[in-house]
Amino acid sequence: MKRKALKYAFPYTLPICAGFLFLGMSYGFFANSKGFSFIYPLCMSMFIFAGSMEFVTVSLLLASFNPVYSFLLTLMVNARHLFYGISMLNTYKDYSGIKKFYLIYGMCDETFSVNCSITPPSEIDREWFMIWVTLLNQIYWVFGATIGAVLGSMIHFDTTGIEFVMTALFFVMFLDQWDTASRHLPALIGVVCSLACLLIFGKNNFMIPAMALIILSFFLCRNRLDDSAKVVKAPKTKDGVKDKAANENLLPSTKSLNNKMNESEENT
């Protein structure tokens, strides 16, 4: 049963593997350029396992000790995981033991997308399917980050500007959320509040005021921020044909993944 679940889960993780290896290696190079040995990205990718926050952690470790700032920044960067967890409550309610805790711990954006949108056939144990998806994705990330750090210590080149990888990462995340959201008010609030605080407090002190202002703005505009974007799997009709109308409700990344898997099923 475990092997069948692994065999079924592996193809769904291959597109994620390509992205995680490249981004993980970039993170490893970035950490090495800041003076950290490969042990740091290895351990952080294993125990933090939050790609964007791992980039930020490198800077936090080099800055002065400020636990309140670190806590608020971590909360803001990874707040979306709260909603991931809530949406998976019904799925995880029948699971127990260490497997359940690992599914919760290992949930990242890509793992959530696959586990939430893909329903394996009845002969495949869904719990083991989700565990393999989660574990494979973490292996890809840990391997990429470690290899990047090792290569960074062996291959010497000018790393000036490599920290821009973190800026590019957040910019791509912003564009992806802008593209998938039906309402752009939350993004506009974030941009306006950040720019205002940057102009008022300066680049070294604007982060905490910006986060506080964003939270306050969200609270005041909470009635207008209801964005009920759905992540569902396109069901099959009685004759086994995928429901194209339902597929239109998918997020773009999930829709693309489902379309690829549907084409694979048709070819076989």
Protein backbone atom coordinates (compact mmCIF):
# COMPACT_ATOMS: atom_id res chain seq x y z
CA MET A 1 0.00 0.00 0.00
CA LYS A 2 2.83 2.41 0.85
CA ARG A 3 4.66 1.61 -2.38
CA LYS A 4 1.53 2.09 -4.47
CA ALA A 5 0.91 5.44 -2.82
CA LEU A 6 4.53 6.49 -3.48
CA LYS A 7 4.28 5.45 -7.12
CA TYR A 8 1.07 7.43 -7.52
CA ALA A 9 2.35 10.51 -5.66
CA PHE A 10 5.76 10.82 -7.32
CA PRO A 11 4.62 12.19 -10.73
CA TYR A 12 2.66 14.97 -9.02
CA THR A 13 5.83 16.17 -7.28
CA LEU A 14 8.11 16.30 -10.32
CA PRO A 15 7.19 19.88 -11.35
CA ILE A 16 7.74 20.92 -7.73
CA CYS A 17 11.10 19.13 -7.71
CA ALA A 18 12.38 21.30 -10.56
CA GLY A 19 11.41 24.50 -8.79
CA PHE A 20 12.58 23.44 -5.33
CA LEU A 21 15.99 22.29 -6.52
CA PHE A 22 16.67 25.59 -8.29
CA LEU A 23 15.30 27.82 -5.53
CA GLY A 24 16.87 25.66 -2.82
CA MET A 25 20.28 25.94 -4.45
CA SER A 26 19.83 29.70 -4.69
CA TYR A 27 19.10 29.75 -0.96
CA GLY A 28 22.20 27.63 -0.27
CA PHE A 29 24.40 29.98 -2.32
CA PHE A 30 22.84 32.97 -0.54
CA ALA A 31 23.49 31.52 2.93
CA ASN A 32 27.07 30.64 2.00
CA SER A 33 27.67 34.15 0.64
CA LYS A 34 26.74 35.50 4.09
CA GLY A 35 29.35 33.31 5.80
CA PHE A 36 27.25 30.34 6.90
CA SER A 37 28.49 26.78 6.46
CA PHE A 38 26.32 24.20 4.74
CA ILE A 39 25.15 22.96 8.16
CA TYR A 40 22.96 26.05 8.58
CA PRO A 41 20.90 25.74 5.37
CA LEU A 42 20.74 21.96 5.91
CA CYS A 43 19.27 22.32 9.40
CA MET A 44 17.07 25.30 8.58
CA SER A 45 15.58 23.58 5.54
CA MET A 46 14.87 20.50 7.66
CA PHE A 47 13.42 22.17 10.75
CA ILE A 48 12.05 25.51 9.54
CA PHE A 49 10.96 24.29 6.09
CA ALA A 50 9.44 27.60 5.04
CA GLY A 51 11.34 28.75 1.99
CA SER A 52 10.64 32.48 2.13
CA MET A 53 11.23 32.61 5.89
CA GLU A 54 14.52 30.76 5.53
CA PHE A 55 15.82 33.53 3.29
CA VAL A 56 14.70 36.07 5.90
CA THR A 57 16.26 34.02 8.72
CA VAL A 58 19.71 34.47 7.20
CA SER A 59 19.36 38.22 7.61
CA LEU A 60 17.84 37.86 11.08
CA LEU A 61 20.80 35.80 12.27
CA LEU A 62 23.17 38.54 11.15
CA ALA A 63 21.16 41.37 12.73
CA SER A 64 20.94 42.38 16.38
CA PHE A 65 18.84 40.14 18.64
CA ASN A 66 15.21 41.28 18.48
CA PRO A 67 12.76 38.46 19.25
CA VAL A 68 9.63 40.62 18.98
CA TYR A 69 10.59 41.80 15.50
CA SER A 70 11.48 38.24 14.47
CA PHE A 71 8.15 36.90 15.78
CA LEU A 72 6.03 39.54 14.04
CA LEU A 73 7.96 39.19 10.79
CA THR A 74 7.61 35.40 10.83
CA LEU A 75 3.89 35.71 11.55
CA MET A 76 3.36 38.11 8.65
CA VAL A 77 5.44 36.13 6.17
CA ASN A 78 3.77 32.79 6.95
CA ALA A 79 0.28 33.89 8.03
CA ARG A 80 -1.21 32.21 4.96
CA HIS A 81 -0.45 28.82 6.53
CA LEU A 82 -3.13 29.49 9.13
CA PHE A 83 -5.72 29.34 6.37
CA TYR A 84 -4.09 26.26 4.83
CA GLY A 85 -4.43 24.48 8.18
CA ILE A 86 -8.05 25.52 8.67
CA SER A 87 -9.02 24.29 5.22
CA MET A 88 -7.45 20.88 5.93
CA LEU A 89 -9.14 20.29 9.30
CA ASN A 90 -11.76 17.95 7.88
CA THR A 91 -9.17 16.06 5.86
CA TYR A 92 -6.88 15.45 8.84
CA LYS A 93 -9.54 14.80 11.49
CA ASP A 94 -9.50 11.01 11.02
CA TYR A 95 -5.70 10.76 11.08
CA SER A 96 -3.65 10.31 14.23
CA GLY A 97 -0.14 9.78 15.53
CA ILE A 98 3.14 10.97 14.12
CA LYS A 99 1.87 10.90 10.53
CA LYS A 100 -0.74 13.53 11.31
CA PHE A 101 1.83 15.77 13.01
CA TYR A 102 4.19 15.43 10.06
CA LEU A 103 1.45 16.35 7.58
CA ILE A 104 0.79 19.50 9.60
CA TYR A 105 4.48 20.31 10.01
CA GLY A 106 5.42 19.67 6.38
CA MET A 107 2.61 21.64 4.74
CA CYS A 108 3.99 24.24 2.34
CA ASP A 109 2.29 26.06 -0.53
CA GLU A 110 3.04 23.42 -3.16
CA THR A 111 2.27 20.47 -0.88
CA PHE A 112 -1.04 22.05 0.13
CA SER A 113 -1.95 22.58 -3.52
CA VAL A 114 -1.41 18.92 -4.42
CA ASN A 115 -2.87 17.37 -1.25
CA CYS A 116 -5.93 19.59 -1.33
CA SER A 117 -6.74 19.26 -5.02
CA ILE A 118 -5.82 15.66 -5.86
CA THR A 119 -8.06 12.80 -4.79
CA PRO A 120 -6.31 9.46 -5.40
CA PRO A 121 -8.33 6.44 -6.55
CA SER A 122 -9.90 4.15 -3.96
CA GLU A 123 -7.10 1.58 -4.15
CA ILE A 124 -4.57 4.23 -3.06
CA ASP A 125 -4.45 5.14 0.62
CA ARG A 126 -4.93 8.91 0.71
CA GLU A 127 -3.07 9.38 3.98
CA TRP A 128 0.03 7.72 2.60
CA PHE A 129 -0.38 9.63 -0.67
CA MET A 130 -0.28 12.94 1.22
CA ILE A 131 2.64 11.79 3.37
CA TRP A 132 4.69 10.88 0.31
CA VAL A 133 3.88 14.19 -1.40
CA THR A 134 4.92 16.07 1.76
CA LEU A 135 8.09 14.03 2.29
CA LEU A 136 9.23 14.15 -1.33
CA ASN A 137 8.78 17.91 -1.50
CA GLN A 138 10.79 18.40 1.67
CA ILE A 139 13.54 16.11 0.37
CA TYR A 140 13.77 18.19 -2.80
CA TRP A 141 14.08 21.39 -0.80
CA VAL A 142 16.61 20.07 1.73
CA PHE A 143 18.73 18.53 -1.03
CA GLY A 144 18.70 21.70 -3.13
CA ALA A 145 19.59 23.97 -0.19
CA THR A 146 22.41 21.70 0.98
CA ILE A 147 23.89 21.22 -2.48
CA GLY A 148 23.76 24.96 -3.10
CA ALA A 149 25.64 25.67 0.13
CA VAL A 150 28.25 22.98 -0.58
CA LEU A 151 28.82 24.18 -4.13
CA GLY A 152 28.97 27.76 -2.88
CA SER A 153 31.86 26.85 -0.59
CA MET A 154 33.70 24.99 -3.38
CA ILE A 155 33.02 27.24 -6.37
CA HIS A 156 34.26 30.76 -5.76
CA PHE A 157 32.67 33.54 -7.77
CA ASP A 158 31.46 37.07 -7.23
CA THR A 159 28.24 36.82 -5.20
CA THR A 160 27.50 40.53 -5.28
CA GLY A 161 23.77 41.00 -5.61
CA ILE A 162 22.83 37.39 -4.86
CA GLU A 163 20.69 38.65 -1.96
CA PHE A 164 18.33 39.95 -4.65
CA VAL A 165 17.09 36.34 -4.87
CA MET A 166 15.02 37.02 -1.75
CA THR A 167 13.53 40.17 -3.27
CA ALA A 168 12.71 38.29 -6.46
CA LEU A 169 11.11 35.48 -4.44
CA PHE A 170 8.72 37.83 -2.64
CA PHE A 171 7.96 39.73 -5.83
CA VAL A 172 7.01 36.51 -7.63
CA MET A 173 4.85 35.47 -4.67
CA PHE A 174 3.13 38.85 -4.81
CA LEU A 175 2.49 38.52 -8.55
CA ASP A 176 1.16 34.98 -8.11
CA GLN A 177 -1.27 36.06 -5.39
CA TRP A 178 -2.29 39.08 -7.46
CA ASP A 179 -3.01 36.81 -10.41
CA THR A 180 -5.02 34.24 -8.41
CA ALA A 181 -7.04 36.66 -6.24
CA SER A 182 -10.37 37.97 -7.48
CA ARG A 183 -9.97 41.09 -5.32
CA HIS A 184 -6.77 43.12 -5.12
CA LEU A 185 -7.62 45.32 -2.13
CA PRO A 186 -5.43 43.32 0.34
CA ALA A 187 -2.40 43.61 -1.94
CA LEU A 188 -2.98 47.33 -2.48
CA ILE A 189 -3.31 47.86 1.28
CA GLY A 190 0.01 46.09 1.82
CA VAL A 191 1.81 48.14 -0.83
CA VAL A 192 0.41 51.49 0.30
CA CYS A 193 1.04 50.86 4.01
CA SER A 194 4.59 49.67 3.37
CA LEU A 195 5.46 52.64 1.16
CA ALA A 196 3.95 55.10 3.65
CA CYS A 197 5.91 53.64 6.56
CA LEU A 198 9.07 53.50 4.47
CA LEU A 199 8.81 57.22 3.75
CA ILE A 200 7.98 58.09 7.36
CA PHE A 201 10.27 55.79 9.36
CA GLY A 202 13.08 55.05 6.90
CA LYS A 203 14.33 51.75 5.51
CA ASN A 204 15.80 50.52 8.81
CA ASN A 205 12.71 51.02 10.98
CA PHE A 206 9.65 50.73 8.77
CA MET A 207 8.93 46.99 9.01
CA ILE A 208 7.10 46.75 12.36
CA PRO A 209 5.04 49.94 11.84
CA ALA A 210 4.12 48.69 8.37
CA MET A 211 2.97 45.31 9.71
CA ALA A 212 0.95 47.00 12.46
CA LEU A 213 -0.65 49.38 9.96
CA ILE A 214 -1.47 46.51 7.58
CA ILE A 215 -3.14 44.51 10.36
CA LEU A 216 -5.13 47.58 11.47
CA SER A 217 -6.18 48.27 7.87
CA PHE A 218 -7.29 44.66 7.39
CA PHE A 219 -9.34 44.88 10.59
CA LEU A 220 -11.03 48.12 9.53
CA CYS A 221 -11.72 46.80 6.01
CA ARG A 222 -12.56 43.24 7.05
CA ASN A 223 -16.08 43.40 5.55
CA ARG A 224 -14.62 44.11 2.12
CA LEU A 225 -11.84 41.51 2.25
CA ASP A 226 -13.98 38.40 1.83
CA ASP A 227 -12.30 36.58 -1.05
CA SER A 228 -13.71 33.07 -1.33
CA ALA A 229 -11.27 31.61 -3.88
CA LYS A 230 -11.70 27.83 -4.01
CA VAL A 231 -9.18 25.07 -4.51
CA VAL A 232 -11.06 21.96 -5.60
CA LYS A 233 -10.48 19.04 -7.86
CA ALA A 234 -12.49 18.91 -11.04
CA PRO A 235 -14.93 16.01 -10.58
CA LYS A 236 -15.74 13.33 -13.10
CA THR A 237 -19.14 12.81 -14.64
CA LYS A 238 -20.77 9.42 -14.77
CA ASP A 239 -19.04 8.58 -18.02
CA GLY A 240 -15.64 9.42 -16.53
CA VAL A 241 -15.13 12.74 -18.39
CA LYS A 242 -13.64 15.60 -16.39
CA ASP A 243 -16.05 18.43 -15.62
CA LYS A 244 -14.48 21.40 -17.41
CA ALA A 245 -16.78 23.90 -15.74
CA ALA A 246 -15.63 22.83 -12.29
CA ASN A 247 -12.02 22.99 -13.42
CA GLU A 248 -12.44 26.71 -14.03
CA ASN A 249 -12.80 27.22 -10.26
CA LEU A 250 -9.26 26.04 -9.64
CA LEU A 251 -6.37 28.32 -8.82
CA PRO A 252 -4.13 28.71 -11.91
CA SER A 253 -1.28 26.62 -10.47
CA THR A 254 -3.66 23.82 -9.47
CA LYS A 255 -5.56 24.02 -12.75
CA SER A 256 -2.32 23.67 -14.69
CA LEU A 257 -1.29 20.67 -12.60
CA ASN A 258 -4.66 18.99 -13.08
CA ASN A 259 -4.62 19.63 -16.82
CA LYS A 260 -1.18 18.01 -17.10
CA MET A 261 -2.29 14.98 -15.15
CA ASN A 262 -5.50 14.73 -17.19
CA GLU A 263 -3.49 14.76 -20.43
CA SER A 264 -1.23 12.06 -18.99
CA GLU A 265 -4.28 9.94 -18.12
CA GLU A 266 -5.72 10.38 -21.62
CA ASN A 267 -2.43 9.40 -23.26
CA THR A 268 -2.28 6.19 -21.24
